[in-house]
């Protein structure tokens, strides 16, 4: 299952995550939500969208889902935080 659509199409998975857990469990793997990052976005909003991505991934993992991280960046400065909370080399045993 992936989340590569307009953010407002899947924003509810962050706002009300418990509502979607059972539906997501039907998939072998889910990708963490790709909340948009744009160069013209404020740094605070870029970091917030990255936080939402990581939070959903962590929550889903606690619910027993296998999560594939989706990593996004905007420029060379975003590399300072775009990999935060993603384990290097972790492939979940796949």
N, C-alpha and C. Protein backbone atom coordinates (compact mmCIF):
# COMPACT_ATOMS: atom_id res chain seq x y z
N UNK A 1 0.86 -1.17 0.00
CA UNK A 1 0.00 0.00 0.00
C UNK A 1 0.90 1.23 0.00
N UNK A 2 0.60 2.19 -0.82
CA UNK A 2 1.40 3.41 -0.86
C UNK A 2 0.53 4.64 -0.70
N UNK A 3 1.18 5.75 -0.46
CA UNK A 3 0.51 7.03 -0.25
C UNK A 3 1.18 8.10 -1.11
N UNK A 4 1.12 7.93 -2.41
CA UNK A 4 1.68 8.90 -3.35
C UNK A 4 0.54 9.58 -4.09
N UNK A 5 -0.23 10.36 -3.38
CA UNK A 5 -1.36 11.12 -3.90
C UNK A 5 -1.27 12.51 -3.30
N UNK A 6 -2.26 13.33 -3.60
CA UNK A 6 -2.32 14.63 -2.95
C UNK A 6 -2.47 14.41 -1.45
N UNK A 7 -1.74 15.20 -0.67
CA UNK A 7 -1.74 15.00 0.79
C UNK A 7 -3.14 14.97 1.38
N UNK A 8 -4.03 15.82 0.90
CA UNK A 8 -5.37 15.86 1.50
C UNK A 8 -6.15 14.57 1.26
N UNK A 9 -5.71 13.73 0.31
CA UNK A 9 -6.37 12.44 0.06
C UNK A 9 -6.07 11.42 1.15
N UNK A 10 -4.96 11.59 1.86
CA UNK A 10 -4.61 10.61 2.89
C UNK A 10 -4.23 11.24 4.22
N UNK A 11 -4.55 12.50 4.41
CA UNK A 11 -4.22 13.21 5.64
C UNK A 11 -4.84 12.54 6.87
N UNK A 12 -5.96 11.86 6.67
CA UNK A 12 -6.65 11.21 7.79
C UNK A 12 -5.83 10.10 8.44
N UNK A 13 -4.90 9.48 7.70
CA UNK A 13 -4.10 8.42 8.32
C UNK A 13 -3.22 8.98 9.43
N UNK A 14 -2.94 10.28 9.38
CA UNK A 14 -2.20 10.93 10.46
C UNK A 14 -3.16 11.47 11.52
N UNK A 15 -4.25 12.07 11.11
CA UNK A 15 -5.19 12.67 12.05
C UNK A 15 -5.94 11.64 12.89
N UNK A 16 -6.29 10.52 12.28
CA UNK A 16 -7.05 9.46 12.97
C UNK A 16 -6.47 8.10 12.61
N UNK A 17 -5.24 7.84 13.03
CA UNK A 17 -4.53 6.63 12.58
C UNK A 17 -5.19 5.32 12.99
N UNK A 18 -5.79 5.29 14.14
CA UNK A 18 -6.39 4.04 14.62
C UNK A 18 -7.53 3.57 13.72
N UNK A 19 -8.16 4.49 13.03
CA UNK A 19 -9.28 4.16 12.15
C UNK A 19 -8.83 3.29 10.96
N UNK A 20 -7.57 3.39 10.56
CA UNK A 20 -7.11 2.75 9.33
C UNK A 20 -6.25 1.50 9.54
N UNK A 21 -5.91 1.19 10.77
CA UNK A 21 -5.00 0.07 11.04
C UNK A 21 -5.53 -1.24 10.48
N UNK A 22 -6.76 -1.58 10.77
CA UNK A 22 -7.30 -2.87 10.31
C UNK A 22 -7.34 -2.94 8.79
N UNK A 23 -7.67 -1.84 8.15
CA UNK A 23 -7.71 -1.81 6.69
C UNK A 23 -6.30 -2.01 6.12
N UNK A 24 -5.30 -1.41 6.75
CA UNK A 24 -3.93 -1.53 6.26
C UNK A 24 -3.33 -2.91 6.52
N UNK A 25 -3.85 -3.62 7.50
CA UNK A 25 -3.31 -4.95 7.82
C UNK A 25 -3.54 -5.97 6.70
N UNK A 26 -4.39 -5.66 5.76
CA UNK A 26 -4.62 -6.60 4.66
C UNK A 26 -3.45 -6.63 3.68
N UNK A 27 -2.53 -5.66 3.78
CA UNK A 27 -1.40 -5.58 2.87
C UNK A 27 -0.15 -6.18 3.52
N UNK A 28 0.68 -6.81 2.71
CA UNK A 28 1.92 -7.40 3.20
C UNK A 28 2.85 -6.32 3.74
N UNK A 29 2.91 -5.18 3.04
CA UNK A 29 3.74 -4.04 3.45
C UNK A 29 3.00 -2.75 3.13
N UNK A 30 3.28 -1.72 3.92
CA UNK A 30 2.77 -0.38 3.62
C UNK A 30 3.95 0.58 3.58
N UNK A 31 3.86 1.55 2.71
CA UNK A 31 4.88 2.60 2.66
C UNK A 31 4.46 3.72 3.58
N UNK A 32 5.43 4.31 4.26
CA UNK A 32 5.09 5.45 5.10
C UNK A 32 4.57 6.57 4.21
N UNK A 33 3.60 7.36 4.70
CA UNK A 33 2.97 8.38 3.86
C UNK A 33 3.96 9.42 3.33
N UNK A 34 3.84 9.72 2.07
CA UNK A 34 4.72 10.69 1.41
C UNK A 34 4.09 12.08 1.48
N UNK A 35 4.10 12.65 2.69
CA UNK A 35 3.60 14.02 2.83
C UNK A 35 4.55 14.95 2.08
N UNK A 36 4.00 15.84 1.30
CA UNK A 36 4.77 16.65 0.35
C UNK A 36 5.84 17.52 0.99
N UNK A 37 6.94 17.63 0.27
CA UNK A 37 8.03 18.54 0.59
C UNK A 37 8.32 19.34 -0.68
N UNK A 38 8.33 20.66 -0.57
CA UNK A 38 8.61 21.52 -1.71
C UNK A 38 9.69 22.52 -1.34
N UNK A 39 10.48 22.93 -2.31
CA UNK A 39 11.52 23.92 -2.07
C UNK A 39 10.96 25.23 -1.55
N UNK A 40 9.79 25.63 -2.01
CA UNK A 40 9.22 26.92 -1.58
C UNK A 40 8.40 26.81 -0.29
N UNK A 41 8.39 25.64 0.32
CA UNK A 41 7.71 25.42 1.59
C UNK A 41 8.61 25.92 2.72
N UNK A 42 8.01 26.41 3.78
CA UNK A 42 8.82 26.83 4.92
C UNK A 42 9.56 25.62 5.49
N UNK A 43 10.71 25.86 6.07
CA UNK A 43 11.49 24.79 6.68
C UNK A 43 10.67 24.09 7.77
N UNK A 44 9.93 24.86 8.55
CA UNK A 44 9.12 24.28 9.61
C UNK A 44 8.09 23.29 9.05
N UNK A 45 7.45 23.63 7.95
CA UNK A 45 6.46 22.74 7.36
C UNK A 45 7.12 21.51 6.74
N UNK A 46 8.29 21.66 6.16
CA UNK A 46 9.02 20.50 5.64
C UNK A 46 9.35 19.52 6.76
N UNK A 47 9.84 20.05 7.86
CA UNK A 47 10.19 19.19 9.00
C UNK A 47 8.93 18.57 9.60
N UNK A 48 7.85 19.32 9.67
CA UNK A 48 6.58 18.80 10.19
C UNK A 48 6.07 17.66 9.31
N UNK A 49 6.13 17.80 7.99
CA UNK A 49 5.67 16.74 7.11
C UNK A 49 6.56 15.50 7.22
N UNK A 50 7.84 15.70 7.45
CA UNK A 50 8.74 14.57 7.68
C UNK A 50 8.39 13.89 9.00
N UNK A 51 8.11 14.69 10.03
CA UNK A 51 7.68 14.14 11.31
C UNK A 51 6.41 13.30 11.13
N UNK A 52 5.43 13.79 10.38
CA UNK A 52 4.18 13.05 10.18
C UNK A 52 4.45 11.72 9.49
N UNK A 53 5.35 11.72 8.52
CA UNK A 53 5.75 10.49 7.84
C UNK A 53 6.31 9.49 8.83
N UNK A 54 7.25 9.92 9.65
CA UNK A 54 7.91 9.03 10.61
C UNK A 54 6.95 8.58 11.71
N UNK A 55 6.07 9.49 12.15
CA UNK A 55 5.14 9.14 13.21
C UNK A 55 4.20 8.04 12.75
N UNK A 56 3.64 8.19 11.54
CA UNK A 56 2.75 7.15 11.02
C UNK A 56 3.47 5.82 10.91
N UNK A 57 4.71 5.84 10.40
CA UNK A 57 5.49 4.61 10.27
C UNK A 57 5.68 3.95 11.63
N UNK A 58 6.06 4.73 12.63
CA UNK A 58 6.29 4.18 13.97
C UNK A 58 5.00 3.63 14.57
N UNK A 59 3.92 4.37 14.42
CA UNK A 59 2.63 3.90 14.95
C UNK A 59 2.22 2.60 14.29
N UNK A 60 2.32 2.54 12.96
CA UNK A 60 1.93 1.32 12.26
C UNK A 60 2.79 0.13 12.67
N UNK A 61 4.07 0.36 12.89
CA UNK A 61 4.93 -0.72 13.35
C UNK A 61 4.48 -1.24 14.71
N UNK A 62 4.06 -0.35 15.60
CA UNK A 62 3.57 -0.80 16.91
C UNK A 62 2.29 -1.61 16.78
N UNK A 63 1.59 -1.46 15.67
CA UNK A 63 0.35 -2.18 15.42
C UNK A 63 0.57 -3.47 14.63
N UNK A 64 1.85 -3.80 14.38
CA UNK A 64 2.18 -5.05 13.71
C UNK A 64 2.30 -4.98 12.20
N UNK A 65 2.26 -3.80 11.63
CA UNK A 65 2.39 -3.65 10.18
C UNK A 65 3.87 -3.63 9.78
N UNK A 66 4.17 -4.15 8.60
CA UNK A 66 5.52 -4.04 8.04
C UNK A 66 5.55 -2.77 7.21
N UNK A 67 6.43 -1.86 7.60
CA UNK A 67 6.47 -0.53 6.99
C UNK A 67 7.76 -0.34 6.20
N UNK A 68 7.62 0.11 4.97
CA UNK A 68 8.76 0.49 4.14
C UNK A 68 8.87 2.01 4.22
N UNK A 69 10.01 2.54 4.66
CA UNK A 69 10.12 3.99 4.80
C UNK A 69 10.14 4.71 3.45
N UNK A 70 9.42 5.81 3.41
CA UNK A 70 9.46 6.72 2.27
C UNK A 70 10.26 7.93 2.72
N UNK A 71 11.31 8.24 1.99
CA UNK A 71 12.19 9.34 2.38
C UNK A 71 12.15 10.41 1.30
N UNK A 72 11.92 11.63 1.72
CA UNK A 72 11.89 12.76 0.79
C UNK A 72 12.84 13.85 1.24
N UNK A 73 13.26 14.67 0.30
CA UNK A 73 14.15 15.79 0.60
C UNK A 73 13.90 16.89 -0.41
N UNK A 74 14.41 18.07 -0.13
CA UNK A 74 14.20 19.20 -1.03
C UNK A 74 15.51 19.77 -1.57
N UNK A 75 16.49 19.93 -0.69
CA UNK A 75 17.77 20.51 -1.11
C UNK A 75 18.88 19.92 -0.25
N UNK A 76 20.09 20.38 -0.46
CA UNK A 76 21.22 19.79 0.28
C UNK A 76 21.11 20.00 1.79
N UNK A 77 20.42 21.04 2.21
CA UNK A 77 20.27 21.29 3.65
C UNK A 77 19.28 20.33 4.30
N UNK A 78 18.32 19.85 3.53
CA UNK A 78 17.35 18.92 4.12
C UNK A 78 17.99 17.57 4.43
N UNK A 79 19.17 17.30 3.88
CA UNK A 79 19.84 16.04 4.20
C UNK A 79 20.26 15.99 5.66
N UNK A 80 20.24 17.14 6.36
CA UNK A 80 20.57 17.16 7.79
C UNK A 80 19.50 16.48 8.61
N UNK A 81 18.26 16.41 8.10
CA UNK A 81 17.18 15.83 8.89
C UNK A 81 16.31 14.84 8.11
N UNK A 82 16.48 14.70 6.82
CA UNK A 82 15.53 13.89 6.04
C UNK A 82 15.65 12.39 6.33
N UNK A 83 16.74 11.95 6.93
CA UNK A 83 16.90 10.53 7.26
C UNK A 83 16.65 10.24 8.75
N UNK A 84 16.30 11.25 9.50
CA UNK A 84 16.06 11.06 10.93
C UNK A 84 15.00 10.00 11.17
N UNK A 85 15.25 9.17 12.15
CA UNK A 85 14.34 8.12 12.62
C UNK A 85 14.15 6.98 11.61
N UNK A 86 15.06 6.85 10.66
CA UNK A 86 15.04 5.72 9.74
C UNK A 86 16.34 4.95 9.96
N UNK A 87 16.19 3.69 10.34
CA UNK A 87 17.37 2.87 10.62
C UNK A 87 18.13 2.57 9.32
N UNK A 88 19.41 2.82 9.33
CA UNK A 88 20.24 2.54 8.16
C UNK A 88 20.37 1.04 7.97
N UNK A 89 20.13 0.61 6.73
CA UNK A 89 20.30 -0.80 6.41
C UNK A 89 19.21 -1.73 6.89
N UNK A 90 18.17 -1.22 7.51
CA UNK A 90 17.10 -2.08 8.01
C UNK A 90 16.18 -2.46 6.85
N UNK A 91 16.08 -3.75 6.59
CA UNK A 91 15.17 -4.19 5.54
C UNK A 91 14.08 -5.11 6.09
N UNK A 92 13.85 -5.05 7.38
CA UNK A 92 12.78 -5.82 8.03
C UNK A 92 12.83 -7.30 7.71
N UNK A 93 14.04 -7.82 7.46
CA UNK A 93 14.17 -9.24 7.19
C UNK A 93 13.71 -9.68 5.82
N UNK A 94 13.44 -8.74 4.94
CA UNK A 94 12.97 -9.08 3.58
C UNK A 94 14.11 -9.51 2.70
